[in-house]
PDB file of all heavy atoms in Angstrom:
ATOM      1  N   PHE A   1       0.797  -1.163   0.022  1.00  0.00           N
ATOM      2  CA  PHE A   1      -0.013  -0.057  -0.001  1.00  0.00           C
ATOM      3  C   PHE A   1       0.862   1.260   0.034  1.00  0.00           C
ATOM      4  O   PHE A   1       0.670   2.191  -0.781  1.00  0.00           O
ATOM      5  CB  PHE A   1      -0.982  -0.069   1.272  1.00  0.00           C
ATOM      6  CG  PHE A   1      -1.921   1.026   1.287  1.00  0.00           C
ATOM      7  CD1 PHE A   1      -3.107   0.943   0.602  1.00  0.00           C
ATOM      8  CD2 PHE A   1      -1.678   2.184   1.987  1.00  0.00           C
ATOM      9  CE1 PHE A   1      -4.079   1.945   0.701  1.00  0.00           C
ATOM     10  CE2 PHE A   1      -2.607   3.230   2.077  1.00  0.00           C
ATOM     11  CZ  PHE A   1      -3.780   3.217   1.399  1.00  0.00           C
ATOM     12  N   VAL A   2       1.912   1.273   0.851  1.00  0.00           N
ATOM     13  CA  VAL A   2       2.737   2.477   0.938  1.00  0.00           C
ATOM     14  C   VAL A   2       3.663   2.585  -0.311  1.00  0.00           C
ATOM     15  O   VAL A   2       3.782   3.654  -0.856  1.00  0.00           O
ATOM     16  CB  VAL A   2       3.632   2.322   2.223  1.00  0.00           C
ATOM     17  CG1 VAL A   2       4.696   3.473   2.205  1.00  0.00           C
ATOM     18  CG2 VAL A   2       2.793   2.360   3.463  1.00  0.00           C
ATOM     19  N   ALA A   3       4.071   1.480  -0.836  1.00  0.00           N
ATOM     20  CA  ALA A   3       4.963   1.454  -1.943  1.00  0.00           C
ATOM     21  C   ALA A   3       4.161   1.998  -3.189  1.00  0.00           C
ATOM     22  O   ALA A   3       4.684   2.780  -4.009  1.00  0.00           O
ATOM     23  CB  ALA A   3       5.536   0.120  -2.288  1.00  0.00           C
ATOM     24  N   GLY A   4       2.860   1.624  -3.333  1.00  0.00           N
ATOM     25  CA  GLY A   4       2.053   2.112  -4.347  1.00  0.00           C
ATOM     26  C   GLY A   4       1.796   3.566  -4.344  1.00  0.00           C
ATOM     27  O   GLY A   4       1.787   4.315  -5.326  1.00  0.00           O
ATOM     28  N   PHE A   5       1.537   4.091  -3.087  1.00  0.00           N
ATOM     29  CA  PHE A   5       1.398   5.525  -2.885  1.00  0.00           C
ATOM     30  C   PHE A   5       2.660   6.294  -3.230  1.00  0.00           C
ATOM     31  O   PHE A   5       2.515   7.298  -3.998  1.00  0.00           O
ATOM     32  CB  PHE A   5       0.993   5.791  -1.379  1.00  0.00           C
ATOM     33  CG  PHE A   5       0.867   7.194  -1.080  1.00  0.00           C
ATOM     34  CD1 PHE A   5      -0.248   7.943  -1.418  1.00  0.00           C
ATOM     35  CD2 PHE A   5       1.891   7.857  -0.331  1.00  0.00           C
ATOM     36  CE1 PHE A   5      -0.328   9.359  -1.071  1.00  0.00           C
ATOM     37  CE2 PHE A   5       1.767   9.279  -0.055  1.00  0.00           C
ATOM     38  CZ  PHE A   5       0.612   9.924  -0.433  1.00  0.00           C
ATOM     39  N   VAL A   6       3.817   5.906  -2.758  1.00  0.00           N
ATOM     40  CA  VAL A   6       5.001   6.607  -3.032  1.00  0.00           C
ATOM     41  C   VAL A   6       5.355   6.579  -4.599  1.00  0.00           C
ATOM     42  O   VAL A   6       5.764   7.595  -5.125  1.00  0.00           O
ATOM     43  CB  VAL A   6       6.170   6.018  -2.244  1.00  0.00           C
ATOM     44  CG1 VAL A   6       7.499   6.739  -2.560  1.00  0.00           C
ATOM     45  CG2 VAL A   6       5.900   6.222  -0.688  1.00  0.00           C
ATOM     46  N   THR A   7       5.120   5.449  -5.175  1.00  0.00           N
ATOM     47  CA  THR A   7       5.330   5.276  -6.633  1.00  0.00           C
ATOM     48  C   THR A   7       4.497   6.246  -7.434  1.00  0.00           C
ATOM     49  O   THR A   7       4.957   6.920  -8.375  1.00  0.00           O
ATOM     50  CB  THR A   7       5.008   3.876  -7.093  1.00  0.00           C
ATOM     51  OG1 THR A   7       5.837   2.934  -6.365  1.00  0.00           O
ATOM     52  CG2 THR A   7       5.251   3.679  -8.591  1.00  0.00           C
ATOM     53  N   ALA A   8       3.223   6.427  -7.062  1.00  0.00           N
ATOM     54  CA  ALA A   8       2.301   7.393  -7.720  1.00  0.00           C
ATOM     55  C   ALA A   8       2.739   8.794  -7.490  1.00  0.00           C
ATOM     56  O   ALA A   8       2.782   9.574  -8.479  1.00  0.00           O
ATOM     57  CB  ALA A   8       0.866   7.204  -7.217  1.00  0.00           C
ATOM     58  N   ILE A   9       3.241   9.104  -6.337  1.00  0.00           N
ATOM     59  CA  ILE A   9       3.692  10.497  -6.035  1.00  0.00           C
ATOM     60  C   ILE A   9       4.927  10.784  -6.922  1.00  0.00           C
ATOM     61  O   ILE A   9       5.055  11.888  -7.463  1.00  0.00           O
ATOM     62  CB  ILE A   9       3.894  10.738  -4.542  1.00  0.00           C
ATOM     63  CG1 ILE A   9       2.667  10.640  -3.772  1.00  0.00           C
ATOM     64  CG2 ILE A   9       4.558  12.041  -4.280  1.00  0.00           C
ATOM     65  CD1 ILE A   9       1.577  11.587  -4.124  1.00  0.00           C
ATOM     66  N   VAL A  10       5.926   9.865  -6.920  1.00  0.00           N
ATOM     67  CA  VAL A  10       7.138  10.090  -7.676  1.00  0.00           C
ATOM     68  C   VAL A  10       6.873  10.152  -9.118  1.00  0.00           C
ATOM     69  O   VAL A  10       7.406  11.037  -9.806  1.00  0.00           O
ATOM     70  CB  VAL A  10       8.114   8.977  -7.353  1.00  0.00           C
ATOM     71  CG1 VAL A  10       9.314   9.088  -8.250  1.00  0.00           C
ATOM     72  CG2 VAL A  10       8.629   9.018  -5.881  1.00  0.00           C
ATOM     73  N   ASP A  11       5.993   9.345  -9.686  1.00  0.00           N
ATOM     74  CA  ASP A  11       5.614   9.449 -11.090  1.00  0.00           C
ATOM     75  C   ASP A  11       4.921  10.728 -11.386  1.00  0.00           C
ATOM     76  O   ASP A  11       5.057  11.334 -12.489  1.00  0.00           O
ATOM     77  CB  ASP A  11       4.751   8.272 -11.494  1.00  0.00           C
ATOM     78  CG  ASP A  11       5.490   7.000 -11.539  1.00  0.00           C
ATOM     79  OD1 ASP A  11       6.773   7.000 -11.546  1.00  0.00           O
ATOM     80  OD2 ASP A  11       4.882   5.889 -11.595  1.00  0.00           O
ATOM     81  N   LEU A  12       4.127  11.160 -10.528  1.00  0.00           N
ATOM     82  CA  LEU A  12       3.409  12.465 -10.652  1.00  0.00           C
ATOM     83  C   LEU A  12       4.387  13.634 -10.688  1.00  0.00           C
ATOM     84  O   LEU A  12       4.067  14.707 -11.305  1.00  0.00           O
ATOM     85  CB  LEU A  12       2.390  12.733  -9.548  1.00  0.00           C
ATOM     86  CG  LEU A  12       1.576  13.955  -9.565  1.00  0.00           C
ATOM     87  CD1 LEU A  12       0.688  13.947 -10.776  1.00  0.00           C
ATOM     88  CD2 LEU A  12       0.692  14.083  -8.381  1.00  0.00           C
ATOM     89  N   SER A  13       5.505  13.526 -10.062  1.00  0.00           N
ATOM     90  CA  SER A  13       6.492  14.608 -10.026  1.00  0.00           C
ATOM     91  C   SER A  13       7.160  14.933 -11.383  1.00  0.00           C
ATOM     92  O   SER A  13       7.737  16.034 -11.647  1.00  0.00           O
ATOM     93  CB  SER A  13       7.550  14.395  -8.950  1.00  0.00           C
ATOM     94  OG  SER A  13       8.410  13.210  -9.383  1.00  0.00           O
ATOM     95  N   ILE A  14       7.120  13.857 -12.252  1.00  0.00           N
ATOM     96  CA  ILE A  14       7.825  14.092 -13.568  1.00  0.00           C
ATOM     97  C   ILE A  14       7.244  15.106 -14.401  1.00  0.00           C
ATOM     98  O   ILE A  14       8.006  16.039 -14.932  1.00  0.00           O
ATOM     99  CB  ILE A  14       7.908  12.697 -14.318  1.00  0.00           C
ATOM    100  CG1 ILE A  14       8.682  11.640 -13.527  1.00  0.00           C
ATOM    101  CG2 ILE A  14       8.422  12.865 -15.696  1.00  0.00           C
ATOM    102  CD1 ILE A  14       8.779  10.283 -14.148  1.00  0.00           C
ATOM    103  N   PRO A  15       5.922  15.195 -14.660  1.00  0.00           N
ATOM    104  CA  PRO A  15       5.398  16.331 -15.410  1.00  0.00           C
ATOM    105  C   PRO A  15       5.591  17.667 -14.712  1.00  0.00           C
ATOM    106  O   PRO A  15       5.699  18.712 -15.401  1.00  0.00           O
ATOM    107  CB  PRO A  15       3.943  15.985 -15.654  1.00  0.00           C
ATOM    108  CG  PRO A  15       3.589  14.948 -14.617  1.00  0.00           C
ATOM    109  CD  PRO A  15       4.895  14.186 -14.365  1.00  0.00           C
ATOM    110  N   LEU A  16       5.640  17.657 -13.414  1.00  0.00           N
ATOM    111  CA  LEU A  16       5.901  18.856 -12.697  1.00  0.00           C
ATOM    112  C   LEU A  16       7.342  19.393 -12.915  1.00  0.00           C
ATOM    113  O   LEU A  16       7.569  20.559 -13.081  1.00  0.00           O
ATOM    114  CB  LEU A  16       5.714  18.700 -11.221  1.00  0.00           C
ATOM    115  CG  LEU A  16       4.314  18.365 -10.763  1.00  0.00           C
ATOM    116  CD1 LEU A  16       4.188  18.234  -9.225  1.00  0.00           C
ATOM    117  CD2 LEU A  16       3.248  19.428 -11.209  1.00  0.00           C
ATOM    118  N   PHE A  17       8.261  18.430 -12.902  1.00  0.00           N
ATOM    119  CA  PHE A  17       9.635  18.753 -13.212  1.00  0.00           C
ATOM    120  C   PHE A  17       9.774  19.390 -14.610  1.00  0.00           C
ATOM    121  O   PHE A  17      10.546  20.292 -14.849  1.00  0.00           O
ATOM    122  CB  PHE A  17      10.490  17.516 -13.063  1.00  0.00           C
ATOM    123  CG  PHE A  17      10.615  17.065 -11.731  1.00  0.00           C
ATOM    124  CD1 PHE A  17      11.133  15.768 -11.404  1.00  0.00           C
ATOM    125  CD2 PHE A  17      10.288  17.845 -10.637  1.00  0.00           C
ATOM    126  CE1 PHE A  17      11.274  15.280 -10.111  1.00  0.00           C
ATOM    127  CE2 PHE A  17      10.407  17.435  -9.290  1.00  0.00           C
ATOM    128  CZ  PHE A  17      10.923  16.083  -9.063  1.00  0.00           C
ATOM    129  N   ILE A  18       9.085  18.729 -15.600  1.00  0.00           N
ATOM    130  CA  ILE A  18       9.133  19.273 -16.937  1.00  0.00           C
ATOM    131  C   ILE A  18       8.662  20.677 -17.027  1.00  0.00           C
ATOM    132  O   ILE A  18       9.172  21.543 -17.645  1.00  0.00           O
ATOM    133  CB  ILE A  18       8.255  18.373 -17.866  1.00  0.00           C
ATOM    134  CG1 ILE A  18       8.982  16.919 -17.977  1.00  0.00           C
ATOM    135  CG2 ILE A  18       8.245  18.947 -19.358  1.00  0.00           C
ATOM    136  CD1 ILE A  18       8.095  15.894 -18.708  1.00  0.00           C
ATOM    137  N   GLY A  19       7.528  20.850 -16.303  1.00  0.00           N
ATOM    138  CA  GLY A  19       6.997  22.348 -16.290  1.00  0.00           C
ATOM    139  C   GLY A  19       7.985  23.277 -15.655  1.00  0.00           C
ATOM    140  O   GLY A  19       8.118  24.395 -16.118  1.00  0.00           O
ATOM    141  N   ARG A  20       8.563  22.857 -14.576  1.00  0.00           N
ATOM    142  CA  ARG A  20       9.537  23.770 -13.912  1.00  0.00           C
ATOM    143  C   ARG A  20      10.736  24.043 -14.833  1.00  0.00           C
ATOM    144  O   ARG A  20      11.245  25.243 -14.917  1.00  0.00           O
ATOM    145  CB  ARG A  20      10.010  23.217 -12.595  1.00  0.00           C
ATOM    146  CG  ARG A  20       8.969  23.312 -11.540  1.00  0.00           C
ATOM    147  CD  ARG A  20       9.518  22.882 -10.152  1.00  0.00           C
ATOM    148  NE  ARG A  20       8.508  23.073  -9.112  1.00  0.00           N
ATOM    149  CZ  ARG A  20       8.309  24.101  -8.531  1.00  0.00           C
ATOM    150  NH1 ARG A  20       9.004  25.279  -8.738  1.00  0.00           N
ATOM    151  NH2 ARG A  20       7.379  24.221  -7.477  1.00  0.00           N
ATOM    152  N   ILE A  21      11.336  23.050 -15.458  1.00  0.00           N
ATOM    153  CA  ILE A  21      12.503  23.242 -16.369  1.00  0.00           C
ATOM    154  C   ILE A  21      12.027  24.109 -17.535  1.00  0.00           C
ATOM    155  O   ILE A  21      12.867  25.021 -17.961  1.00  0.00           O
ATOM    156  CB  ILE A  21      12.964  21.891 -16.847  1.00  0.00           C
ATOM    157  CG1 ILE A  21      13.604  21.085 -15.708  1.00  0.00           C
ATOM    158  CG2 ILE A  21      13.963  22.097 -17.876  1.00  0.00           C
ATOM    159  CD1 ILE A  21      14.027  19.652 -16.085  1.00  0.00           C
ATOM    160  N   THR A  22      10.831  23.864 -18.057  1.00  0.00           N
ATOM    161  CA  THR A  22      10.398  24.822 -19.138  1.00  0.00           C
ATOM    162  C   THR A  22      10.295  26.279 -18.677  1.00  0.00           C
ATOM    163  O   THR A  22      10.621  27.201 -19.363  1.00  0.00           O
ATOM    164  CB  THR A  22       9.011  24.300 -19.702  1.00  0.00           C
ATOM    165  OG1 THR A  22       9.113  22.934 -20.129  1.00  0.00           O
ATOM    166  CG2 THR A  22       8.543  25.177 -20.776  1.00  0.00           C
ATOM    167  N   GLY A  23       9.838  26.387 -17.464  1.00  0.00           N
ATOM    168  CA  GLY A  23       9.748  27.752 -16.844  1.00  0.00           C
ATOM    169  C   GLY A  23      11.128  28.409 -16.667  1.00  0.00           C
ATOM    170  O   GLY A  23      11.362  29.604 -16.899  1.00  0.00           O
ATOM    171  N   TYR A  24      12.076  27.651 -16.189  1.00  0.00           N
ATOM    172  CA  TYR A  24      13.457  28.118 -15.991  1.00  0.00           C
ATOM    173  C   TYR A  24      14.035  28.548 -17.306  1.00  0.00           C
ATOM    174  O   TYR A  24      14.645  29.662 -17.430  1.00  0.00           O
ATOM    175  CB  TYR A  24      14.342  27.020 -15.409  1.00  0.00           C
ATOM    176  CG  TYR A  24      13.991  26.608 -14.017  1.00  0.00           C
ATOM    177  CD1 TYR A  24      14.348  25.373 -13.522  1.00  0.00           C
ATOM    178  CD2 TYR A  24      13.316  27.457 -13.151  1.00  0.00           C
ATOM    179  CE1 TYR A  24      14.021  24.971 -12.224  1.00  0.00           C
ATOM    180  CE2 TYR A  24      12.923  27.054 -11.900  1.00  0.00           C
ATOM    181  CZ  TYR A  24      13.358  25.848 -11.370  1.00  0.00           C
ATOM    182  OH  TYR A  24      13.046  25.478 -10.164  1.00  0.00           O
ATOM    183  N   VAL A  25      13.841  27.841 -18.348  1.00  0.00           N
ATOM    184  CA  VAL A  25      14.400  28.092 -19.699  1.00  0.00           C
ATOM    185  C   VAL A  25      13.769  29.282 -20.289  1.00  0.00           C
ATOM    186  O   VAL A  25      14.467  30.232 -20.859  1.00  0.00           O
ATOM    187  CB  VAL A  25      14.372  26.922 -20.649  1.00  0.00           C
ATOM    188  CG1 VAL A  25      14.778  27.187 -22.055  1.00  0.00           C
ATOM    189  CG2 VAL A  25      15.162  25.760 -20.097  1.00  0.00           C
ATOM    190  N   SER A  26      12.371  29.354 -20.153  1.00  0.00           N
ATOM    191  CA  SER A  26      11.712  30.478 -20.775  1.00  0.00           C
ATOM    192  C   SER A  26      11.955  31.855 -20.116  1.00  0.00           C
ATOM    193  O   SER A  26      11.870  32.948 -20.735  1.00  0.00           O
ATOM    194  CB  SER A  26      10.142  30.177 -20.751  1.00  0.00           C
ATOM    195  OG  SER A  26       9.709  30.071 -19.462  1.00  0.00           O
ATOM    196  N   HIS A  27      12.329  31.806 -18.783  1.00  0.00           N
ATOM    197  CA  HIS A  27      12.548  33.026 -18.057  1.00  0.00           C
ATOM    198  C   HIS A  27      14.064  33.358 -17.936  1.00  0.00           C
ATOM    199  O   HIS A  27      14.415  34.375 -17.304  1.00  0.00           O
ATOM    200  CB  HIS A  27      11.969  32.966 -16.624  1.00  0.00           C
ATOM    201  CG  HIS A  27      10.443  32.965 -16.556  1.00  0.00           C
ATOM    202  ND1 HIS A  27       9.686  31.832 -16.653  1.00  0.00           N
ATOM    203  CD2 HIS A  27       9.601  34.056 -16.518  1.00  0.00           C
ATOM    204  CE1 HIS A  27       8.391  32.190 -16.635  1.00  0.00           C
ATOM    205  NE2 HIS A  27       8.355  33.559 -16.555  1.00  0.00           N
ATOM    206  N   ALA A  28      14.865  32.498 -18.475  1.00  0.00           N
ATOM    207  CA  ALA A  28      16.369  32.727 -18.367  1.00  0.00           C
ATOM    208  C   ALA A  28      16.731  34.004 -19.176  1.00  0.00           C
ATOM    209  O   ALA A  28      16.302  34.146 -20.300  1.00  0.00           O
ATOM    210  CB  ALA A  28      17.051  31.515 -18.855  1.00  0.00           C
ATOM    211  N   LYS A  29      17.484  34.851 -18.496  1.00  0.00           N
ATOM    212  CA  LYS A  29      17.978  36.142 -19.127  1.00  0.00           C
ATOM    213  C   LYS A  29      19.248  35.910 -19.909  1.00  0.00           C
ATOM    214  O   LYS A  29      19.716  36.873 -20.622  1.00  0.00           O
ATOM    215  CB  LYS A  29      18.052  37.242 -18.112  1.00  0.00           C
ATOM    216  CG  LYS A  29      16.769  37.587 -17.447  1.00  0.00           C
ATOM    217  CD  LYS A  29      16.875  38.685 -16.450  1.00  0.00           C
ATOM    218  CE  LYS A  29      15.602  39.015 -15.763  1.00  0.00           C
ATOM    219  NZ  LYS A  29      15.682  40.101 -14.738  1.00  0.00           N
ATOM    220  N   SER A  30      19.909  34.810 -19.646  1.00  0.00           N
ATOM    221  CA  SER A  30      21.204  34.576 -20.392  1.00  0.00           C
ATOM    222  C   SER A  30      21.278  33.066 -20.714  1.00  0.00           C
ATOM    223  O   SER A  30      20.317  32.300 -20.533  1.00  0.00           O
ATOM    224  CB  SER A  30      22.412  35.001 -19.509  1.00  0.00           C
ATOM    225  OG  SER A  30      22.357  34.199 -18.254  1.00  0.00           O
ATOM    226  N   ASP A  31      22.389  32.664 -21.283  1.00  0.00           N
ATOM    227  CA  ASP A  31      22.590  31.315 -21.662  1.00  0.00           C
ATOM    228  C   ASP A  31      22.771  30.363 -20.407  1.00  0.00           C
ATOM    229  O   ASP A  31      22.552  29.152 -20.539  1.00  0.00           O
ATOM    230  CB  ASP A  31      23.793  31.125 -22.565  1.00  0.00           C
ATOM    231  CG  ASP A  31      23.573  31.780 -23.918  1.00  0.00           C
ATOM    232  OD1 ASP A  31      22.370  32.016 -24.231  1.00  0.00           O
ATOM    233  OD2 ASP A  31      24.558  32.139 -24.614  1.00  0.00           O
TER     234      ASP A  31
END
């Protein structure tokens, strides 16, 4: 039960990471 819950939370973090990285790149003022 606990392993399934943690697995779902970790998998859910992947699209959030993609969104954050996209935000970092789009707001970057330099290379």
